[in-house]
Amino acid sequence: MNILLVLIPVTLLIVLLAVALFFWAVNHQQFDDMDSPAVLPLMDDEPKSANPDGKAENHSPPEKHP
């Protein structure tokens, strides 16, 4: 029974800390943009190398004609 004298205050402290962290995150706009992070991996990257005229280089093998 004596363990309850320790566990109840520790639990209340953890709950208060979690509530404080939640409100800190809301006040610092951590939940404003929930759609962009999910779409970022699906977006195409820009070409890494370009010719001096601004066109991207084609690294595919040349086509063979019979």
PDB file of N, CA and C in Angstrom:
ATOM      1  N   MET A   1       0.812  -1.199   0.000  1.00  0.00           N
ATOM      2  CA  MET A   1       0.000   0.000   0.000  1.00  0.00           C
ATOM      3  C   MET A   1       0.859   1.269   0.000  1.00  0.00           C
ATOM      4  N   ASN A   2       2.043   1.179   0.565  1.00  0.00           N
ATOM      5  CA  ASN A   2       2.901   2.352   0.630  1.00  0.00           C
ATOM      6  C   ASN A   2       3.403   2.777  -0.748  1.00  0.00           C
ATOM      7  N   ILE A   3       3.426   1.827  -1.698  1.00  0.00           N
ATOM      8  CA  ILE A   3       3.896   2.162  -3.037  1.00  0.00           C
ATOM      9  C   ILE A   3       2.950   3.157  -3.718  1.00  0.00           C
ATOM     10  N   LEU A   4       1.684   3.151  -3.324  1.00  0.00           N
ATOM     11  CA  LEU A   4       0.726   4.109  -3.887  1.00  0.00           C
ATOM     12  C   LEU A   4       1.096   5.543  -3.526  1.00  0.00           C
ATOM     13  N   LEU A   5       1.744   5.724  -2.393  1.00  0.00           N
ATOM     14  CA  LEU A   5       2.163   7.063  -1.997  1.00  0.00           C
ATOM     15  C   LEU A   5       3.250   7.603  -2.928  1.00  0.00           C
ATOM     16  N   VAL A   6       3.936   6.716  -3.621  1.00  0.00           N
ATOM     17  CA  VAL A   6       4.960   7.122  -4.581  1.00  0.00           C
ATOM     18  C   VAL A   6       4.392   7.159  -5.993  1.00  0.00           C
ATOM     19  N   LEU A   7       3.630   6.150  -6.357  1.00  0.00           N
ATOM     20  CA  LEU A   7       3.148   6.027  -7.728  1.00  0.00           C
ATOM     21  C   LEU A   7       2.144   7.111  -8.119  1.00  0.00           C
ATOM     22  N   ILE A   8       1.269   7.510  -7.231  1.00  0.00           N
ATOM     23  CA  ILE A   8       0.266   8.523  -7.578  1.00  0.00           C
ATOM     24  C   ILE A   8       0.924   9.872  -7.891  1.00  0.00           C
ATOM     25  N   PRO A   9       1.818  10.398  -7.076  1.00  0.00           N
ATOM     26  CA  PRO A   9       2.468  11.662  -7.444  1.00  0.00           C
ATOM     27  C   PRO A   9       3.337  11.554  -8.701  1.00  0.00           C
ATOM     28  N   VAL A  10       4.029  10.432  -8.869  1.00  0.00           N
ATOM     29  CA  VAL A  10       4.848  10.258 -10.065  1.00  0.00           C
ATOM     30  C   VAL A  10       3.960  10.232 -11.310  1.00  0.00           C
ATOM     31  N   THR A  11       2.840   9.537 -11.238  1.00  0.00           N
ATOM     32  CA  THR A  11       1.902   9.483 -12.365  1.00  0.00           C
ATOM     33  C   THR A  11       1.337  10.863 -12.661  1.00  0.00           C
ATOM     34  N   LEU A  12       0.972  11.613 -11.651  1.00  0.00           N
ATOM     35  CA  LEU A  12       0.463  12.965 -11.872  1.00  0.00           C
ATOM     36  C   LEU A  12       1.532  13.860 -12.497  1.00  0.00           C
ATOM     37  N   LEU A  13       2.772  13.690 -12.074  1.00  0.00           N
ATOM     38  CA  LEU A  13       3.862  14.465 -12.649  1.00  0.00           C
ATOM     39  C   LEU A  13       4.049  14.141 -14.132  1.00  0.00           C
ATOM     40  N   ILE A  14       3.986  12.866 -14.487  1.00  0.00           N
ATOM     41  CA  ILE A  14       4.127  12.457 -15.890  1.00  0.00           C
ATOM     42  C   ILE A  14       2.966  12.980 -16.729  1.00  0.00           C
ATOM     43  N   VAL A  15       1.757  12.922 -16.215  1.00  0.00           N
ATOM     44  CA  VAL A  15       0.584  13.437 -16.938  1.00  0.00           C
ATOM     45  C   VAL A  15       0.708  14.941 -17.137  1.00  0.00           C
ATOM     46  N   LEU A  16       1.116  15.668 -16.115  1.00  0.00           N
ATOM     47  CA  LEU A  16       1.279  17.121 -16.251  1.00  0.00           C
ATOM     48  C   LEU A  16       2.378  17.454 -17.265  1.00  0.00           C
ATOM     49  N   LEU A  17       3.446  16.689 -17.276  1.00  0.00           N
ATOM     50  CA  LEU A  17       4.510  16.897 -18.246  1.00  0.00           C
ATOM     51  C   LEU A  17       4.010  16.637 -19.672  1.00  0.00           C
ATOM     52  N   ALA A  18       3.238  15.579 -19.866  1.00  0.00           N
ATOM     53  CA  ALA A  18       2.699  15.262 -21.196  1.00  0.00           C
ATOM     54  C   ALA A  18       1.745  16.352 -21.674  1.00  0.00           C
ATOM     55  N   VAL A  19       0.902  16.863 -20.787  1.00  0.00           N
ATOM     56  CA  VAL A  19      -0.028  17.937 -21.158  1.00  0.00           C
ATOM     57  C   VAL A  19       0.747  19.208 -21.500  1.00  0.00           C
ATOM     58  N   ALA A  20       1.774  19.514 -20.721  1.00  0.00           N
ATOM     59  CA  ALA A  20       2.580  20.705 -20.997  1.00  0.00           C
ATOM     60  C   ALA A  20       3.292  20.579 -22.342  1.00  0.00           C
ATOM     61  N   LEU A  21       3.847  19.406 -22.653  1.00  0.00           N
ATOM     62  CA  LEU A  21       4.507  19.205 -23.945  1.00  0.00           C
ATOM     63  C   LEU A  21       3.517  19.297 -25.102  1.00  0.00           C
ATOM     64  N   PHE A  22       2.307  18.792 -24.916  1.00  0.00           N
ATOM     65  CA  PHE A  22       1.294  18.886 -25.964  1.00  0.00           C
ATOM     66  C   PHE A  22       0.960  20.341 -26.253  1.00  0.00           C
ATOM     67  N   PHE A  23       0.724  21.133 -25.217  1.00  0.00           N
ATOM     68  CA  PHE A  23       0.386  22.538 -25.435  1.00  0.00           C
ATOM     69  C   PHE A  23       1.573  23.325 -25.991  1.00  0.00           C
ATOM     70  N   TRP A  24       2.803  22.949 -25.628  1.00  0.00           N
ATOM     71  CA  TRP A  24       3.970  23.588 -26.221  1.00  0.00           C
ATOM     72  C   TRP A  24       4.014  23.317 -27.724  1.00  0.00           C
ATOM     73  N   ALA A  25       3.747  22.067 -28.111  1.00  0.00           N
ATOM     74  CA  ALA A  25       3.766  21.706 -29.528  1.00  0.00           C
ATOM     75  C   ALA A  25       2.673  22.431 -30.295  1.00  0.00           C
ATOM     76  N   VAL A  26       1.508  22.583 -29.708  1.00  0.00           N
ATOM     77  CA  VAL A  26       0.420  23.301 -30.382  1.00  0.00           C
ATOM     78  C   VAL A  26       0.777  24.776 -30.529  1.00  0.00           C
ATOM     79  N   ASN A  27       1.361  25.375 -29.514  1.00  0.00           N
ATOM     80  CA  ASN A  27       1.715  26.796 -29.576  1.00  0.00           C
ATOM     81  C   ASN A  27       2.864  27.073 -30.536  1.00  0.00           C
ATOM     82  N   HIS A  28       3.692  26.075 -30.831  1.00  0.00           N
ATOM     83  CA  HIS A  28       4.815  26.260 -31.752  1.00  0.00           C
ATOM     84  C   HIS A  28       4.507  25.703 -33.149  1.00  0.00           C
ATOM     85  N   GLN A  29       3.237  25.608 -33.503  1.00  0.00           N
ATOM     86  CA  GLN A  29       2.745  25.222 -34.832  1.00  0.00           C
ATOM     87  C   GLN A  29       3.290  23.872 -35.298  1.00  0.00           C
ATOM     88  N   GLN A  30       3.421  22.913 -34.413  1.00  0.00           N
ATOM     89  CA  GLN A  30       3.908  21.594 -34.808  1.00  0.00           C
ATOM     90  C   GLN A  30       2.840  20.776 -35.533  1.00  0.00           C
ATOM     91  N   PHE A  31       1.568  21.145 -35.391  1.00  0.00           N
ATOM     92  CA  PHE A  31       0.488  20.377 -35.995  1.00  0.00           C
ATOM     93  C   PHE A  31      -0.213  21.138 -37.107  1.00  0.00           C
ATOM     94  N   ASP A  32       0.396  22.209 -37.629  1.00  0.00           N
ATOM     95  CA  ASP A  32      -0.271  23.024 -38.637  1.00  0.00           C
ATOM     96  C   ASP A  32      -0.323  22.346 -39.997  1.00  0.00           C
ATOM     97  N   ASP A  33       0.743  21.729 -40.453  1.00  0.00           N
ATOM     98  CA  ASP A  33       0.794  21.141 -41.785  1.00  0.00           C
ATOM     99  C   ASP A  33       0.940  19.633 -41.656  1.00  0.00           C
ATOM    100  N   MET A  34      -0.183  18.936 -41.706  1.00  0.00           N
ATOM    101  CA  MET A  34      -0.158  17.493 -41.538  1.00  0.00           C
ATOM    102  C   MET A  34      -0.126  16.754 -42.877  1.00  0.00           C
ATOM    103  N   ASP A  35      -0.311  17.454 -44.016  1.00  0.00           N
ATOM    104  CA  ASP A  35      -0.379  16.782 -45.307  1.00  0.00           C
ATOM    105  C   ASP A  35       0.953  16.740 -46.045  1.00  0.00           C
ATOM    106  N   SER A  36       1.736  17.796 -45.985  1.00  0.00           N
ATOM    107  CA  SER A  36       2.983  17.852 -46.760  1.00  0.00           C
ATOM    108  C   SER A  36       4.000  16.769 -46.395  1.00  0.00           C
ATOM    109  N   PRO A  37       4.251  16.465 -45.122  1.00  0.00           N
ATOM    110  CA  PRO A  37       5.250  15.434 -44.829  1.00  0.00           C
ATOM    111  C   PRO A  37       4.894  14.070 -45.423  1.00  0.00           C
ATOM    112  N   ALA A  38       3.615  13.768 -45.552  1.00  0.00           N
ATOM    113  CA  ALA A  38       3.217  12.482 -46.125  1.00  0.00           C
ATOM    114  C   ALA A  38       3.427  12.446 -47.630  1.00  0.00           C
ATOM    115  N   VAL A  39       3.411  13.592 -48.299  1.00  0.00           N
ATOM    116  CA  VAL A  39       3.526  13.653 -49.750  1.00  0.00           C
ATOM    117  C   VAL A  39       4.977  13.833 -50.193  1.00  0.00           C
ATOM    118  N   LEU A  40       5.844  14.367 -49.350  1.00  0.00           N
ATOM    119  CA  LEU A  40       7.220  14.657 -49.739  1.00  0.00           C
ATOM    120  C   LEU A  40       7.978  13.456 -50.320  1.00  0.00           C
ATOM    121  N   PRO A  41       7.873  12.250 -49.770  1.00  0.00           N
ATOM    122  CA  PRO A  41       8.609  11.137 -50.375  1.00  0.00           C
ATOM    123  C   PRO A  41       8.106  10.773 -51.772  1.00  0.00           C
ATOM    124  N   LEU A  42       6.886  11.150 -52.116  1.00  0.00           N
ATOM    125  CA  LEU A  42       6.323  10.803 -53.409  1.00  0.00           C
ATOM    126  C   LEU A  42       6.654  11.813 -54.499  1.00  0.00           C
ATOM    127  N   MET A  43       7.155  12.970 -54.115  1.00  0.00           N
ATOM    128  CA  MET A  43       7.448  14.011 -55.089  1.00  0.00           C
ATOM    129  C   MET A  43       8.732  13.683 -55.848  1.00  0.00           C
ATOM    130  N   ASP A  44       8.777  14.071 -57.124  1.00  0.00           N
ATOM    131  CA  ASP A  44       9.962  13.849 -57.944  1.00  0.00           C
ATOM    132  C   ASP A  44      11.049  14.831 -57.551  1.00  0.00           C
ATOM    133  N   ASP A  45      12.289  14.352 -57.605  1.00  0.00           N
ATOM    134  CA  ASP A  45      13.428  15.216 -57.340  1.00  0.00           C
ATOM    135  C   ASP A  45      13.796  15.973 -58.599  1.00  0.00           C
ATOM    136  N   GLU A  46      14.445  17.101 -58.417  1.00  0.00           N
ATOM    137  CA  GLU A  46      14.958  17.867 -59.544  1.00  0.00           C
ATOM    138  C   GLU A  46      16.150  17.120 -60.136  1.00  0.00           C
ATOM    139  N   PRO A  47      16.393  17.271 -61.435  1.00  0.00           N
ATOM    140  CA  PRO A  47      17.585  16.632 -62.009  1.00  0.00           C
ATOM    141  C   PRO A  47      18.851  17.156 -61.342  1.00  0.00           C
ATOM    142  N   LYS A  48      19.783  16.266 -61.044  1.00  0.00           N
ATOM    143  CA  LYS A  48      20.987  16.652 -60.315  1.00  0.00           C
ATOM    144  C   LYS A  48      22.029  17.307 -61.210  1.00  0.00           C
ATOM    145  N   SER A  49      22.126  16.876 -62.472  1.00  0.00           N
ATOM    146  CA  SER A  49      23.115  17.463 -63.358  1.00  0.00           C
ATOM    147  C   SER A  49      22.414  18.040 -64.581  1.00  0.00           C
ATOM    148  N   ALA A  50      22.931  19.141 -65.059  1.00  0.00           N
ATOM    149  CA  ALA A  50      22.337  19.771 -66.227  1.00  0.00           C
ATOM    150  C   ALA A  50      23.443  20.258 -67.150  1.00  0.00           C
ATOM    151  N   ASN A  51      23.147  20.312 -68.431  1.00  0.00           N
ATOM    152  CA  ASN A  51      24.070  20.862 -69.421  1.00  0.00           C
ATOM    153  C   ASN A  51      24.139  22.371 -69.257  1.00  0.00           C
ATOM    154  N   PRO A  52      25.130  23.017 -69.851  1.00  0.00           N
ATOM    155  CA  PRO A  52      25.214  24.482 -69.747  1.00  0.00           C
ATOM    156  C   PRO A  52      23.985  25.197 -70.306  1.00  0.00           C
ATOM    157  N   ASP A  53      23.277  24.560 -71.240  1.00  0.00           N
ATOM    158  CA  ASP A  53      22.096  25.220 -71.792  1.00  0.00           C
ATOM    159  C   ASP A  53      20.858  25.010 -70.924  1.00  0.00           C
ATOM    160  N   GLY A  54      20.997  24.313 -69.797  1.00  0.00           N
ATOM    161  CA  GLY A  54      19.896  24.170 -68.855  1.00  0.00           C
ATOM    162  C   GLY A  54      19.094  22.898 -69.033  1.00  0.00           C
ATOM    163  N   LYS A  55      19.386  22.098 -70.053  1.00  0.00           N
ATOM    164  CA  LYS A  55      18.656  20.859 -70.269  1.00  0.00           C
ATOM    165  C   LYS A  55      19.299  19.736 -69.455  1.00  0.00           C
ATOM    166  N   ALA A  56      18.463  18.842 -68.972  1.00  0.00           N
ATOM    167  CA  ALA A  56      18.976  17.718 -68.192  1.00  0.00           C
ATOM    168  C   ALA A  56      19.651  16.720 -69.116  1.00  0.00           C
ATOM    169  N   GLU A  57      20.683  16.066 -68.595  1.00  0.00           N
ATOM    170  CA  GLU A  57      21.389  15.067 -69.388  1.00  0.00           C
ATOM    171  C   GLU A  57      20.584  13.782 -69.424  1.00  0.00           C
ATOM    172  N   ASN A  58      20.645  13.095 -70.541  1.00  0.00           N
ATOM    173  CA  ASN A  58      19.962  11.826 -70.698  1.00  0.00           C
ATOM    174  C   ASN A  58      20.980  10.713 -70.498  1.00  0.00           C
ATOM    175  N   HIS A  59      20.821   9.910 -69.468  1.00  0.00           N
ATOM    176  CA  HIS A  59      21.769   8.853 -69.168  1.00  0.00           C
ATOM    177  C   HIS A  59      21.270   7.491 -69.630  1.00  0.00           C
ATOM    178  N   SER A  60      20.229   7.464 -70.434  1.00  0.00           N
ATOM    179  CA  SER A  60      19.714   6.173 -70.909  1.00  0.00           C
ATOM    180  C   SER A  60      20.573   5.703 -72.084  1.00  0.00           C
ATOM    181  N   PRO A  61      20.665   4.405 -72.270  1.00  0.00           N
ATOM    182  CA  PRO A  61      21.470   3.885 -73.388  1.00  0.00           C
ATOM    183  C   PRO A  61      20.830   4.242 -74.725  1.00  0.00           C
ATOM    184  N   PRO A  62      21.626   4.368 -75.768  1.00  0.00           N
ATOM    185  CA  PRO A  62      21.064   4.722 -77.067  1.00  0.00           C
ATOM    186  C   PRO A  62      20.176   3.592 -77.589  1.00  0.00           C
ATOM    187  N   GLU A  63      19.167   3.985 -78.352  1.00  0.00           N
ATOM    188  CA  GLU A  63      18.247   2.993 -78.905  1.00  0.00           C
ATOM    189  C   GLU A  63      18.907   2.277 -80.072  1.00  0.00           C
ATOM    190  N   LYS A  64      18.670   0.986 -80.176  1.00  0.00           N
ATOM    191  CA  LYS A  64      19.205   0.195 -81.278  1.00  0.00           C
ATOM    192  C   LYS A  64      18.120   0.005 -82.320  1.00  0.00           C
ATOM    193  N   HIS A  65      18.435   0.331 -83.553  1.00  0.00           N
ATOM    194  CA  HIS A  65      17.481   0.149 -84.639  1.00  0.00           C
ATOM    195  C   HIS A  65      17.897  -1.054 -85.464  1.00  0.00           C
ATOM    196  N   PRO A  66      16.968  -1.917 -85.839  1.00  0.00           N
ATOM    197  CA  PRO A  66      17.321  -3.115 -86.616  1.00  0.00           C
ATOM    198  C   PRO A  66      17.690  -2.810 -88.045  1.00  0.00           C
TER     199      PRO A  66
END
